[in-house]
Amino acid sequence: LAQDPQQSAARAATLAWLELADAGDGAATYNAASKRFREAIAMEQWTAALRSARERFGPLKRRTVMVVRPPEPGKDTPPGEFLVVVFRTEFGLRDMATETVTLEREADGKWRVVGYLMR
């Protein structure tokens, strides 16, 4: 079966964004994120949070896409088109972690990160 082109585009956008995060470039991840993301948090807060999380997890060793799916429906879900990409990730200080990246398809048709969670 052919892969869904929207999911492929979302996955590519996610991996490009994660490359910036892996390089420790908080400002670039912020600037590449969705408008909704940038409206929710100041750049200084975001870069500090990303730096802190990455220091606790250590450098990236390996990342595998587990699933690309729509978000769970909920009453607090804003209008728009969203996808969630979940990774099983190995970091230098954590052998088994989960990264969850939520993307929003913006008005220009591009997928951009609106949420990032490391566990």
C-alpha atoms as a PDB file:
ATOM      1  CA  LEU A   1       0.000   0.000   0.000  1.00  0.00           C
ATOM      2  CA  ALA A   2       1.136   3.522  -0.763  1.00  0.00           C
ATOM      3  CA  GLN A   3       1.996   5.674   2.216  1.00  0.00           C
ATOM      4  CA  ASP A   4      -0.265   8.638   2.986  1.00  0.00           C
ATOM      5  CA  PRO A   5       1.458  11.746   1.520  1.00  0.00           C
ATOM      6  CA  GLN A   6       0.248  13.935   4.410  1.00  0.00           C
ATOM      7  CA  GLN A   7       1.775  11.578   6.944  1.00  0.00           C
ATOM      8  CA  SER A   8       4.996  11.455   4.928  1.00  0.00           C
ATOM      9  CA  ALA A   9       5.167  15.261   4.815  1.00  0.00           C
ATOM     10  CA  ALA A  10       4.449  15.496   8.548  1.00  0.00           C
ATOM     11  CA  ARG A  11       7.121  12.906   9.331  1.00  0.00           C
ATOM     12  CA  ALA A  12       9.689  14.781   7.191  1.00  0.00           C
ATOM     13  CA  ALA A  13       8.840  18.089   8.913  1.00  0.00           C
ATOM     14  CA  THR A  14       9.177  16.413  12.298  1.00  0.00           C
ATOM     15  CA  LEU A  15      12.583  14.910  11.504  1.00  0.00           C
ATOM     16  CA  ALA A  16      13.878  18.243  10.180  1.00  0.00           C
ATOM     17  CA  TRP A  17      12.699  19.970  13.364  1.00  0.00           C
ATOM     18  CA  LEU A  18      14.232  17.278  15.572  1.00  0.00           C
ATOM     19  CA  GLU A  19      17.580  17.714  13.808  1.00  0.00           C
ATOM     20  CA  LEU A  20      17.579  21.299  15.057  1.00  0.00           C
ATOM     21  CA  ALA A  21      16.698  20.126  18.569  1.00  0.00           C
ATOM     22  CA  ASP A  22      19.406  17.447  18.437  1.00  0.00           C
ATOM     23  CA  ALA A  23      21.923  20.150  17.492  1.00  0.00           C
ATOM     24  CA  GLY A  24      20.848  22.152  20.552  1.00  0.00           C
ATOM     25  CA  ASP A  25      19.536  25.031  18.454  1.00  0.00           C
ATOM     26  CA  GLY A  26      16.587  26.134  20.570  1.00  0.00           C
ATOM     27  CA  ALA A  27      16.130  29.390  18.670  1.00  0.00           C
ATOM     28  CA  ALA A  28      15.905  27.559  15.335  1.00  0.00           C
ATOM     29  CA  THR A  29      13.367  25.054  16.711  1.00  0.00           C
ATOM     30  CA  TYR A  30      11.320  27.965  18.027  1.00  0.00           C
ATOM     31  CA  ASN A  31      11.413  29.838  14.725  1.00  0.00           C
ATOM     32  CA  ALA A  32      10.530  26.675  12.783  1.00  0.00           C
ATOM     33  CA  ALA A  33       7.565  25.848  15.042  1.00  0.00           C
ATOM     34  CA  SER A  34       3.945  26.760  14.369  1.00  0.00           C
ATOM     35  CA  LYS A  35       2.455  30.150  15.070  1.00  0.00           C
ATOM     36  CA  ARG A  36       0.344  28.574  17.842  1.00  0.00           C
ATOM     37  CA  PHE A  37       3.538  27.218  19.485  1.00  0.00           C
ATOM     38  CA  ARG A  38       5.254  30.613  19.358  1.00  0.00           C
ATOM     39  CA  GLU A  39       2.178  32.321  20.792  1.00  0.00           C
ATOM     40  CA  ALA A  40       2.088  29.877  23.726  1.00  0.00           C
ATOM     41  CA  ILE A  41       5.666  30.327  24.973  1.00  0.00           C
ATOM     42  CA  ALA A  42       8.389  32.948  24.769  1.00  0.00           C
ATOM     43  CA  MET A  43      11.590  32.019  22.942  1.00  0.00           C
ATOM     44  CA  GLU A  44      13.701  32.385  26.090  1.00  0.00           C
ATOM     45  CA  GLN A  45      11.425  30.048  28.053  1.00  0.00           C
ATOM     46  CA  TRP A  46      11.392  27.494  25.243  1.00  0.00           C
ATOM     47  CA  THR A  47      15.150  27.473  24.705  1.00  0.00           C
ATOM     48  CA  ALA A  48      15.747  27.059  28.461  1.00  0.00           C
ATOM     49  CA  ALA A  49      13.218  24.197  28.665  1.00  0.00           C
ATOM     50  CA  LEU A  50      14.688  22.412  25.655  1.00  0.00           C
ATOM     51  CA  ARG A  51      18.245  22.811  26.962  1.00  0.00           C
ATOM     52  CA  SER A  52      17.238  21.469  30.387  1.00  0.00           C
ATOM     53  CA  ALA A  53      15.437  18.450  28.923  1.00  0.00           C
ATOM     54  CA  ARG A  54      18.265  17.590  26.593  1.00  0.00           C
ATOM     55  CA  GLU A  55      20.809  17.839  29.415  1.00  0.00           C
ATOM     56  CA  ARG A  56      18.763  15.318  31.442  1.00  0.00           C
ATOM     57  CA  PHE A  57      18.400  12.914  28.489  1.00  0.00           C
ATOM     58  CA  GLY A  58      21.832  13.330  26.924  1.00  0.00           C
ATOM     59  CA  PRO A  59      22.813  13.209  23.260  1.00  0.00           C
ATOM     60  CA  LEU A  60      20.755  11.321  20.688  1.00  0.00           C
ATOM     61  CA  LYS A  61      21.881   7.777  19.942  1.00  0.00           C
ATOM     62  CA  ARG A  62      18.981   6.335  17.925  1.00  0.00           C
ATOM     63  CA  ARG A  63      15.411   7.339  17.003  1.00  0.00           C
ATOM     64  CA  THR A  64      12.718   5.153  15.441  1.00  0.00           C
ATOM     65  CA  VAL A  65       9.278   6.268  14.282  1.00  0.00           C
ATOM     66  CA  MET A  66       6.653   4.185  16.058  1.00  0.00           C
ATOM     67  CA  VAL A  67       3.455   5.755  14.729  1.00  0.00           C
ATOM     68  CA  VAL A  68       2.038   8.715  12.833  1.00  0.00           C
ATOM     69  CA  ARG A  69      -1.599   9.294  13.746  1.00  0.00           C
ATOM     70  CA  PRO A  70      -4.263  11.918  14.330  1.00  0.00           C
ATOM     71  CA  PRO A  71      -4.468  13.146  17.926  1.00  0.00           C
ATOM     72  CA  GLU A  72      -6.924  11.561  20.305  1.00  0.00           C
ATOM     73  CA  PRO A  73     -10.232  13.411  19.994  1.00  0.00           C
ATOM     74  CA  GLY A  74     -11.013  15.628  22.942  1.00  0.00           C
ATOM     75  CA  LYS A  75     -13.094  18.569  23.958  1.00  0.00           C
ATOM     76  CA  ASP A  76     -10.002  20.798  24.234  1.00  0.00           C
ATOM     77  CA  THR A  77      -8.727  20.070  20.726  1.00  0.00           C
ATOM     78  CA  PRO A  78      -8.577  23.347  18.802  1.00  0.00           C
ATOM     79  CA  PRO A  79      -9.890  23.549  15.262  1.00  0.00           C
ATOM     80  CA  GLY A  80      -7.361  22.639  12.619  1.00  0.00           C
ATOM     81  CA  GLU A  81      -5.532  19.692  11.120  1.00  0.00           C
ATOM     82  CA  PHE A  82      -3.092  17.913  13.440  1.00  0.00           C
ATOM     83  CA  LEU A  83      -0.939  14.788  13.418  1.00  0.00           C
ATOM     84  CA  VAL A  84       1.083  13.156  16.183  1.00  0.00           C
ATOM     85  CA  VAL A  85       4.411  11.442  15.506  1.00  0.00           C
ATOM     86  CA  VAL A  86       5.671   9.130  18.251  1.00  0.00           C
ATOM     87  CA  PHE A  87       9.278   7.951  18.409  1.00  0.00           C
ATOM     88  CA  ARG A  88      11.081   5.346  20.497  1.00  0.00           C
ATOM     89  CA  THR A  89      14.358   7.097  21.200  1.00  0.00           C
ATOM     90  CA  GLU A  90      17.631   6.170  22.820  1.00  0.00           C
ATOM     91  CA  PHE A  91      19.622   8.993  24.368  1.00  0.00           C
ATOM     92  CA  GLY A  92      23.020   8.975  26.031  1.00  0.00           C
ATOM     93  CA  LEU A  93      21.480   9.117  29.523  1.00  0.00           C
ATOM     94  CA  ARG A  94      18.218   7.292  28.794  1.00  0.00           C
ATOM     95  CA  ASP A  95      18.155   3.977  26.985  1.00  0.00           C
ATOM     96  CA  MET A  96      14.423   3.960  26.325  1.00  0.00           C
ATOM     97  CA  ALA A  97      12.563   7.227  25.915  1.00  0.00           C
ATOM     98  CA  THR A  98       9.473   8.304  24.025  1.00  0.00           C
ATOM     99  CA  GLU A  99       9.335  11.515  22.037  1.00  0.00           C
ATOM    100  CA  THR A 100       5.887  12.743  21.035  1.00  0.00           C
ATOM    101  CA  VAL A 101       5.724  15.510  18.456  1.00  0.00           C
ATOM    102  CA  THR A 102       2.412  17.130  17.560  1.00  0.00           C
ATOM    103  CA  LEU A 103       2.202  18.967  14.272  1.00  0.00           C
ATOM    104  CA  GLU A 104      -0.301  21.405  12.875  1.00  0.00           C
ATOM    105  CA  ARG A 105      -0.887  21.944   9.189  1.00  0.00           C
ATOM    106  CA  GLU A 106      -0.861  25.700   8.820  1.00  0.00           C
ATOM    107  CA  ALA A 107      -2.628  27.880   6.264  1.00  0.00           C
ATOM    108  CA  ASP A 108       0.329  27.641   3.843  1.00  0.00           C
ATOM    109  CA  GLY A 109      -0.104  23.844   3.779  1.00  0.00           C
ATOM    110  CA  LYS A 110       3.113  23.121   5.691  1.00  0.00           C
ATOM    111  CA  TRP A 111       3.294  20.933   8.788  1.00  0.00           C
ATOM    112  CA  ARG A 112       4.899  22.657  11.770  1.00  0.00           C
ATOM    113  CA  VAL A 113       5.551  21.538  15.321  1.00  0.00           C
ATOM    114  CA  VAL A 114       2.982  22.705  17.847  1.00  0.00           C
ATOM    115  CA  GLY A 115       4.011  20.427  20.725  1.00  0.00           C
ATOM    116  CA  TYR A 116       6.991  18.352  21.878  1.00  0.00           C
ATOM    117  CA  LEU A 117       7.145  15.960  24.809  1.00  0.00           C
ATOM    118  CA  MET A 118      10.023  13.778  25.984  1.00  0.00           C
ATOM    119  CA  ARG A 119       9.410  10.942  28.448  1.00  0.00           C
END
